[in-house]
Protein backbone atom coordinates (compact mmCIF):
# COMPACT_ATOMS: atom_id res chain seq x y z
CA UNK A 1 107.39 96.48 107.34
CA UNK A 2 110.65 98.40 107.87
CA UNK A 3 111.41 101.19 110.34
CA UNK A 4 113.25 104.33 109.29
CA UNK A 5 114.95 106.53 111.86
CA UNK A 6 116.36 108.86 109.20
CA UNK A 7 113.09 109.88 107.56
CA UNK A 8 111.18 111.35 110.47
CA UNK A 9 107.48 112.10 110.86
CA UNK A 10 106.81 115.73 109.92
CA UNK A 11 104.27 116.05 112.74
CA UNK A 12 106.06 114.55 115.75
CA UNK A 13 109.61 113.89 114.48
CA UNK A 14 109.23 110.24 115.42
CA UNK A 15 110.41 107.27 113.30
CA UNK A 16 108.44 106.15 110.25
CA UNK A 17 107.54 102.77 108.80
CA UNK A 18 107.23 101.72 105.17
CA UNK A 19 106.80 98.75 102.82
CA UNK A 20 109.41 98.56 100.07
CA UNK A 21 107.87 95.64 98.20
CA UNK A 22 104.59 97.49 97.59
CA UNK A 23 106.18 100.94 97.30
CA UNK A 24 103.96 102.20 100.11
CA UNK A 25 105.34 105.49 101.40
CA UNK A 26 106.54 106.30 104.90
CA UNK A 27 104.03 106.97 107.65
CA UNK A 28 104.48 107.71 111.33
CA UNK A 29 105.39 104.75 113.53
CA UNK A 30 102.84 106.05 116.03
CA UNK A 31 99.98 106.11 113.50
CA UNK A 32 97.02 106.49 114.04
CA UNK A 33 97.71 108.59 117.17
CA UNK A 34 100.02 110.84 115.16
CA UNK A 35 98.71 111.39 111.66
CA UNK A 36 96.52 113.70 109.64
CA UNK A 37 94.58 110.55 108.88
CA UNK A 38 93.55 110.17 112.51
CA UNK A 39 91.47 113.36 112.25
CA UNK A 40 89.05 111.48 110.03
CA UNK A 41 88.05 109.29 112.95
CA UNK A 42 87.74 111.94 115.67
CA UNK A 43 84.16 112.93 114.85
CA UNK A 44 82.62 110.32 112.60
CA UNK A 45 84.32 106.95 112.45
CA UNK A 46 84.46 105.36 109.04
CA UNK A 47 86.16 102.49 107.26
CA UNK A 48 87.98 103.32 104.02
CA UNK A 49 88.98 100.93 101.23
CA UNK A 50 91.47 102.05 98.57
CA UNK A 51 91.41 99.59 95.69
CA UNK A 52 92.86 98.99 92.26
CA UNK A 53 92.62 96.20 89.69
CA UNK A 54 94.96 95.11 86.93
CA UNK A 55 93.12 93.47 84.04
CA UNK A 56 93.76 91.73 80.74
CA UNK A 57 92.18 94.63 78.87
CA UNK A 58 89.87 97.61 79.10
CA UNK A 59 86.66 95.89 77.97
CA UNK A 60 84.89 94.54 81.04
CA UNK A 61 82.90 91.82 79.29
CA UNK A 62 85.94 90.57 77.37
CA UNK A 63 88.65 91.02 79.97
CA UNK A 64 89.60 89.42 83.26
CA UNK A 65 90.98 90.77 86.53
CA UNK A 66 94.52 89.49 87.06
CA UNK A 67 95.49 91.37 90.22
CA UNK A 68 93.61 92.83 93.18
CA UNK A 69 95.28 95.34 95.46
CA UNK A 70 93.48 97.07 98.31
CA UNK A 71 94.33 98.96 101.48
CA UNK A 72 91.80 99.24 104.28
CA UNK A 73 91.87 101.78 107.09
CA UNK A 74 89.41 100.53 109.68
CA UNK A 75 87.38 102.57 112.16
CA UNK A 76 90.28 102.44 114.65
CA UNK A 77 92.66 103.89 112.07
CA UNK A 78 94.54 100.61 111.61
CA UNK A 79 95.71 99.58 108.16
CA UNK A 80 95.10 96.21 106.45
CA UNK A 81 96.01 94.96 102.97
CA UNK A 82 94.49 92.61 100.41
CA UNK A 83 96.92 91.69 97.65
CA UNK A 84 96.69 88.77 95.23
CA UNK A 85 97.21 87.67 91.66
CA UNK A 86 94.26 86.04 89.89
CA UNK A 87 94.72 83.19 87.43
CA UNK A 88 93.84 84.35 83.92
CA UNK A 89 91.86 82.05 81.60
CA UNK A 90 93.59 83.67 78.62
CA UNK A 91 97.19 84.38 77.64
CA UNK A 92 98.12 87.92 78.63
CA UNK A 93 98.32 90.41 75.74
CA UNK A 94 101.81 91.75 75.16
CA UNK A 95 100.60 95.30 75.81
CA UNK A 96 99.37 94.33 79.29
CA UNK A 97 102.65 92.59 80.06
CA UNK A 98 104.55 95.72 79.07
CA UNK A 99 102.34 98.06 81.12
CA UNK A 100 102.07 95.99 84.30
CA UNK A 101 105.25 93.89 84.22
CA UNK A 102 103.00 90.91 84.99
CA UNK A 103 103.58 87.81 82.88
CA UNK A 104 101.80 84.48 82.42
CA UNK A 105 104.28 82.63 84.64
CA UNK A 106 103.44 84.91 87.57
CA UNK A 107 99.77 83.94 87.27
CA UNK A 108 100.31 80.24 86.66
CA UNK A 109 99.81 79.14 90.28
CA UNK A 110 97.55 82.01 91.31
CA UNK A 111 94.06 81.30 92.71
CA UNK A 112 91.09 81.80 90.41
CA UNK A 113 88.53 84.52 91.08
CA UNK A 114 86.06 82.13 92.69
CA UNK A 115 88.65 81.27 95.36
CA UNK A 116 89.27 84.87 96.45
CA UNK A 117 86.18 86.95 95.67
CA UNK A 118 84.23 85.95 98.79
CA UNK A 119 87.16 86.94 101.01
CA UNK A 120 87.45 90.24 99.15
CA UNK A 121 83.71 90.83 99.54
CA UNK A 122 84.12 90.35 103.31
CA UNK A 123 87.25 92.56 103.34
CA UNK A 124 85.29 95.44 101.78
CA UNK A 125 82.04 95.05 103.72
CA UNK A 126 80.13 98.34 103.79
CA UNK A 127 83.24 100.54 103.76
CA UNK A 128 83.64 103.67 101.68
CA UNK A 129 85.43 102.65 98.47
CA UNK A 130 88.04 104.97 96.95
CA UNK A 131 89.56 104.39 93.51
CA UNK A 132 91.34 106.50 90.94
CA UNK A 133 88.96 106.38 87.97
CA UNK A 134 86.18 104.59 89.82
CA UNK A 135 84.15 104.47 86.59
CA UNK A 136 86.56 101.73 85.54
CA UNK A 137 87.27 99.78 88.73
CA UNK A 138 83.89 99.78 90.46
CA UNK A 139 81.85 98.25 87.59
CA UNK A 140 84.43 95.43 87.45
CA UNK A 141 83.93 94.93 91.19
CA UNK A 142 80.13 94.88 90.91
CA UNK A 143 80.34 92.51 87.96
CA UNK A 144 82.36 89.98 89.97
CA UNK A 145 80.08 90.25 92.99
CA UNK A 146 77.01 89.68 90.84
CA UNK A 147 78.66 86.84 88.92
CA UNK A 148 79.43 85.03 92.17
CA UNK A 149 76.06 85.80 93.82
CA UNK A 150 77.52 88.04 96.50
CA UNK A 151 75.15 90.74 97.82
CA UNK A 152 75.97 94.36 97.11
CA UNK A 153 76.33 96.67 100.09
CA UNK A 154 75.24 100.29 100.18
CA UNK A 155 78.83 101.49 99.73
CA UNK A 156 79.72 105.10 99.14
CA UNK A 157 82.20 105.59 96.29
CA UNK A 158 84.83 108.32 95.98
CA UNK A 159 86.81 108.79 92.78
CA UNK A 160 90.12 110.61 93.23
CA UNK A 161 90.30 111.16 89.46
CA UNK A 162 87.07 113.18 89.61
CA UNK A 163 88.33 114.88 92.77
CA UNK A 164 91.48 115.92 90.87
CA UNK A 165 89.33 117.41 88.12
CA UNK A 166 87.30 119.34 90.70
CA UNK A 167 90.61 120.57 92.14
CA UNK A 168 91.37 121.97 88.64
CA UNK A 169 94.47 119.84 88.29
CA UNK A 170 96.08 120.45 84.87
CA UNK A 171 96.60 116.68 84.54
CA UNK A 172 94.57 114.15 86.50
CA UNK A 173 96.33 110.86 85.75
CA UNK A 174 97.81 109.00 88.69
CA UNK A 175 101.32 109.30 87.26
CA UNK A 176 101.01 113.07 86.82
CA UNK A 177 99.63 113.58 90.31
CA UNK A 178 102.32 111.44 91.95
CA UNK A 179 104.95 113.63 90.32
CA UNK A 180 103.22 116.85 91.34
CA UNK A 181 102.81 115.81 94.98
CA UNK A 182 106.08 113.87 95.15
CA UNK A 183 104.38 110.57 96.04
CA UNK A 184 106.68 107.57 95.61
CA UNK A 185 105.35 105.31 92.85
CA UNK A 186 108.06 102.95 91.64
CA UNK A 187 105.63 100.09 90.94
CA UNK A 188 103.16 101.97 88.75
CA UNK A 189 100.40 99.86 87.20
CA UNK A 190 100.60 97.26 89.95
CA UNK A 191 97.43 97.00 91.97
CA UNK A 192 98.60 97.44 95.58
CA UNK A 193 101.08 100.17 94.69
CA UNK A 194 98.38 102.10 92.79
CA UNK A 195 95.95 101.63 95.69
CA UNK A 196 98.60 103.00 98.07
CA UNK A 197 99.14 106.06 95.89
CA UNK A 198 95.38 106.59 95.73
CA UNK A 199 95.35 106.59 99.54
CA UNK A 200 98.09 109.23 99.69
CA UNK A 201 96.25 111.39 97.14
CA UNK A 202 92.97 111.02 99.04
CA UNK A 203 94.50 112.39 102.23
CA UNK A 204 96.25 115.22 100.39
CA UNK A 205 92.90 116.39 99.04
CA UNK A 206 91.11 115.67 102.33
CA UNK A 207 93.62 117.69 104.32
CA UNK A 208 93.55 120.57 101.79
CA UNK A 209 89.80 121.04 102.39
CA UNK A 210 89.46 123.01 99.15
CA UNK A 211 86.81 120.85 97.49
CA UNK A 212 84.38 118.48 99.18
CA UNK A 213 84.69 114.75 98.55
CA UNK A 214 82.95 113.81 95.28
CA UNK A 215 80.86 111.02 96.82
CA UNK A 216 78.58 108.78 94.75
CA UNK A 217 76.28 105.90 95.63
CA UNK A 218 77.11 102.42 94.38
CA UNK A 219 73.93 102.54 92.29
CA UNK A 220 75.60 105.06 89.95
CA UNK A 221 78.10 102.38 88.99
CA UNK A 222 75.45 99.70 88.69
CA UNK A 223 74.00 101.91 85.96
CA UNK A 224 77.37 102.01 84.20
CA UNK A 225 77.55 98.21 84.29
CA UNK A 226 73.96 97.92 83.04
CA UNK A 227 74.82 100.24 80.16
CA UNK A 228 77.83 98.07 79.27
CA UNK A 229 75.64 94.97 79.37
CA UNK A 230 73.02 96.55 77.12
CA UNK A 231 75.67 97.62 74.64
CA UNK A 232 77.19 94.13 74.52
CA UNK A 233 73.76 92.53 74.06
CA UNK A 234 72.86 94.93 71.28
CA UNK A 235 76.22 94.39 69.57
CA UNK A 236 75.79 90.60 69.77
CA UNK A 237 72.28 90.80 68.32
CA UNK A 238 73.55 92.99 65.47
CA UNK A 239 76.29 90.46 64.64
CA UNK A 240 73.91 87.46 64.68
CA UNK A 241 71.35 89.17 62.45
């Protein structure tokens, strides 16, 4: 963490802190006592997890998670991070290398999913999970939990992509929204940086109070995963016959 005395907090004019390596924007040095985020914990305390995955492809049953990035704001308003590469069992496609700037050498000594998923399961707990395009990330999460026999919690899910659509944003991609709201995003398509941007976007929409949070139960995403599984089974049966 670095301290900036030149970029002051807009609320109290105090110094700010930031993380350059993850491109996480400035926030007040006195957070959570001085922050719009602190208002979330004044009435009903909650734990928030902002997460993002980088994968070897878009197809869940064919692809593999290669990077996990998550930010947690606990019930005291304190921030924690979970950031790791995951060893890939396949060579990375060139398209993925170009998009993420992750290469095979970077994953060579990374832990495999089995080594980190239990810690990530504990990190999340029963917190509210926020992702940009949760229809993509959350089924991957459920799939890994089920694969490694980790119990699912009754998490509430919030998708900032759907929230953007409800806000009638002309473009709802993370890159478009970061430009509109002037959110720093130098490391786009890297998990922790994308999770950090999702956090900033969440609080922009939360503070605006124009549209209620689009909350969904985890069971909605279990249905998405079940649908993917049925499609893959049907496709396999069609090929074999």
